[in-house]
Protein backbone atom coordinates (compact mmCIF):
# COMPACT_ATOMS: atom_id res chain seq x y z
CA MET A 1 0.00 0.00 0.00
CA TYR A 2 3.09 2.22 -0.15
CA GLY A 3 2.46 5.52 -1.90
CA TYR A 4 -1.29 5.40 -1.58
CA PRO A 5 -3.48 7.27 0.89
CA VAL A 6 -4.79 5.30 3.85
CA THR A 7 -8.08 7.16 4.20
CA THR A 8 -11.01 6.84 1.83
CA VAL A 9 -12.61 10.10 3.00
CA PHE A 10 -12.48 12.68 0.20
CA PRO A 11 -12.42 15.56 0.60
CA PRO A 12 -10.90 15.24 4.07
CA VAL A 13 -13.07 16.38 6.98
CA SER A 14 -10.58 16.10 9.86
CA ILE A 15 -6.87 16.62 10.45
CA GLU A 16 -6.48 12.83 10.66
CA ASP A 17 -8.09 12.43 7.21
CA PHE A 18 -5.98 15.23 5.74
CA LEU A 19 -2.67 13.93 7.09
CA SER A 20 -3.50 10.36 6.09
CA LEU A 21 -4.31 11.52 2.56
CA SER A 22 -1.00 13.44 2.48
CA ILE A 23 1.37 10.55 3.20
CA GLY A 24 3.62 9.41 0.39
CA HIS A 25 6.11 10.75 -2.13
CA TRP A 26 5.16 13.87 -4.06
CA ILE A 27 6.68 15.64 -7.07
CA SER A 28 6.36 19.38 -6.49
CA LEU A 29 6.56 22.27 -8.94
CA ARG A 30 6.79 25.62 -7.16
CA SER A 31 6.58 29.13 -8.56
CA GLN A 32 7.79 31.78 -6.14
CA PHE A 33 7.53 35.57 -6.30
CA LYS A 34 9.73 37.77 -4.09
CA CYS A 35 8.24 41.21 -3.61
CA SER A 36 11.40 42.85 -2.28
CA SER A 37 13.65 41.94 -5.20
CA ILE A 38 14.41 44.81 -7.59
CA ASP A 39 16.33 42.79 -10.16
CA ASP A 40 15.41 39.95 -12.49
CA ASN A 41 15.42 37.42 -9.62
CA TRP A 42 11.91 38.37 -8.48
CA HIS A 43 10.50 35.10 -9.82
CA SER A 44 11.72 31.53 -9.63
CA SER A 45 10.33 28.14 -10.50
CA GLU A 46 11.71 24.89 -9.19
CA ARG A 47 10.91 21.20 -9.09
CA GLY A 48 11.40 19.11 -5.98
CA ASP A 49 10.60 15.84 -4.30
CA ILE A 50 8.72 15.77 -1.02
CA LYS A 51 8.11 12.81 1.25
CA LEU A 52 5.40 13.05 3.90
CA ALA A 53 5.04 10.44 6.63
CA LEU A 54 2.98 10.16 9.77
CA GLY A 55 5.19 10.14 12.82
CA PRO A 56 4.63 8.72 16.29
CA SER A 57 2.67 10.96 18.63
CA ASP A 58 3.61 11.57 22.26
CA ASN A 59 -0.04 11.77 23.30
CA SER A 60 -3.58 11.39 21.97
CA ASN A 61 -3.98 15.17 21.50
CA THR A 62 -1.42 15.54 18.70
CA ARG A 63 -0.76 14.23 15.20
CA ASN A 64 2.75 14.40 13.74
CA LEU A 65 3.84 14.79 10.13
CA ALA A 66 7.48 14.24 9.13
CA ILE A 67 8.54 16.18 6.02
CA SER A 68 11.58 15.33 3.90
CA MET A 69 12.81 17.26 0.86
CA GLY A 70 14.56 14.92 -1.54
CA SER A 71 16.75 12.69 0.59
CA GLN A 72 17.10 15.30 3.36
CA TYR A 73 14.93 15.40 6.47
CA ALA A 74 13.35 18.85 6.70
CA MET A 75 11.13 19.01 9.79
CA LYS A 76 8.35 17.53 11.87
CA LEU A 77 5.08 19.40 12.26
CA GLU A 78 3.00 18.69 15.34
CA PHE A 79 -0.74 19.29 14.95
CA PHE A 80 -2.55 19.71 18.27
CA LEU A 81 -6.21 18.74 18.09
CA ASP A 82 -7.18 22.14 19.57
CA GLY A 83 -5.85 23.88 16.41
CA ARG A 84 -2.31 24.73 17.52
CA LEU A 85 0.70 23.94 15.35
CA GLN A 86 4.40 23.73 16.19
CA SER A 87 7.66 22.26 14.93
CA GLU A 88 11.16 21.66 16.20
CA ASN A 89 12.25 24.46 13.80
CA CYS A 90 10.60 27.12 16.03
CA ILE A 91 7.43 27.38 13.96
CA ILE A 92 4.46 28.21 16.16
CA GLY A 93 1.00 28.80 14.78
CA THR A 94 -2.47 27.47 14.13
CA TRP A 95 -4.22 25.16 11.68
CA GLN A 96 -7.81 24.83 10.48
CA ILE A 97 -9.67 22.41 8.20
CA TRP A 98 -12.20 24.28 6.07
CA PRO A 99 -15.55 22.82 4.88
CA ASP A 100 -14.07 22.36 1.38
CA GLY A 101 -11.45 19.98 2.86
CA SER A 102 -8.54 22.42 2.59
CA LEU A 103 -6.01 22.87 5.39
CA GLU A 104 -5.00 26.40 6.36
CA LEU A 105 -1.79 26.97 8.32
CA SER A 106 -0.90 30.31 9.88
CA TYR A 107 2.45 30.54 11.63
CA HIS A 108 5.51 32.63 12.45
CA ASP A 109 8.99 31.47 11.51
CA ALA A 110 12.08 31.78 13.73
CA ASN A 111 12.60 35.37 12.48
CA GLY A 112 9.07 36.44 13.45
CA ASN A 113 7.80 36.61 9.87
CA GLU A 114 4.20 35.51 9.37
CA GLN A 115 3.24 32.91 6.78
CA CYS A 116 -0.21 31.82 5.68
CA GLU A 117 -0.43 28.58 3.75
CA ARG A 118 -3.42 26.80 2.24
CA ILE A 119 -3.22 23.20 1.00
CA TRP A 120 -6.02 21.42 -0.79
CA PHE A 121 -6.61 18.28 -2.82
CA MET A 122 -8.10 18.41 -6.30
CA LYS A 123 -7.89 14.60 -6.47
CA THR A 124 -6.36 12.09 -4.08
CA ASN A 125 -3.10 12.23 -6.08
CA LEU A 126 -3.07 16.00 -6.81
CA ARG A 127 -2.45 18.64 -4.13
CA LEU A 128 -2.25 22.40 -4.56
CA ARG A 129 -0.55 24.73 -2.11
CA SER A 130 -0.39 28.52 -1.89
CA THR A 131 1.74 30.46 0.57
CA VAL A 132 1.90 34.17 1.35
CA ALA A 133 4.69 35.47 3.61
CA PHE A 134 4.77 38.83 5.37
CA ASN A 135 7.61 40.81 6.94
CA GLN A 136 7.40 41.71 10.62
CA ASP A 137 5.98 45.13 9.67
CA GLY A 138 3.11 43.45 7.79
CA THR A 139 4.36 44.16 4.27
CA LEU A 140 4.22 41.39 1.71
CA ARG A 141 7.55 39.54 1.43
CA GLN A 142 6.82 36.72 -1.01
CA ALA A 143 4.12 34.48 -2.44
CA SER A 144 4.34 30.99 -3.89
CA PHE A 145 2.14 28.41 -5.53
CA CYS A 146 2.85 24.67 -5.74
CA SER A 147 1.25 21.84 -7.60
CA GLU A 148 2.14 18.46 -6.17
CA ILE A 149 1.54 15.10 -7.84
CA ARG A 150 1.77 11.88 -5.85
CA ARG A 151 4.32 9.34 -7.05
CA VAL A 152 2.58 6.01 -7.38
CA THR A 153 4.16 2.63 -7.88
CA LYS A 154 2.77 0.07 -10.27
CA HIS A 155 2.22 -3.25 -8.61
CA LYS A 156 3.11 -6.34 -10.60
CA LEU A 157 0.38 -8.94 -10.73
């Protein structure tokens, strides 16, 4: 069952459903726009590989998601069932599942910059993600959009 979502609930209605649907290997194409850049580097587009896995939880009030970029471990996000979010990388914020099944994350990074991220599934193997980042003074710093396609493995019969 490797590479396939565990849940059959679509669109997801809970954080458990959303995280379960997210597990696996994803191919990501990201377009990023930096608002502070005055030269030709204001826009970039890059392809990457993301691996998402459910991690063990210390208690029944949290759900953990381990995120790896390529072959490198990136971070673990801890989703508290009361809507709080934190990571070992000093990210502290909140999460919310919307009625359309999308997940909204709002958090501050280690530098105090605010980021708002929305992730939603078009199909079980196609995720979209938009992120808007603000400077500490509230001005727009950057925006990005990702389309992510799940890598699936053909099973031999």
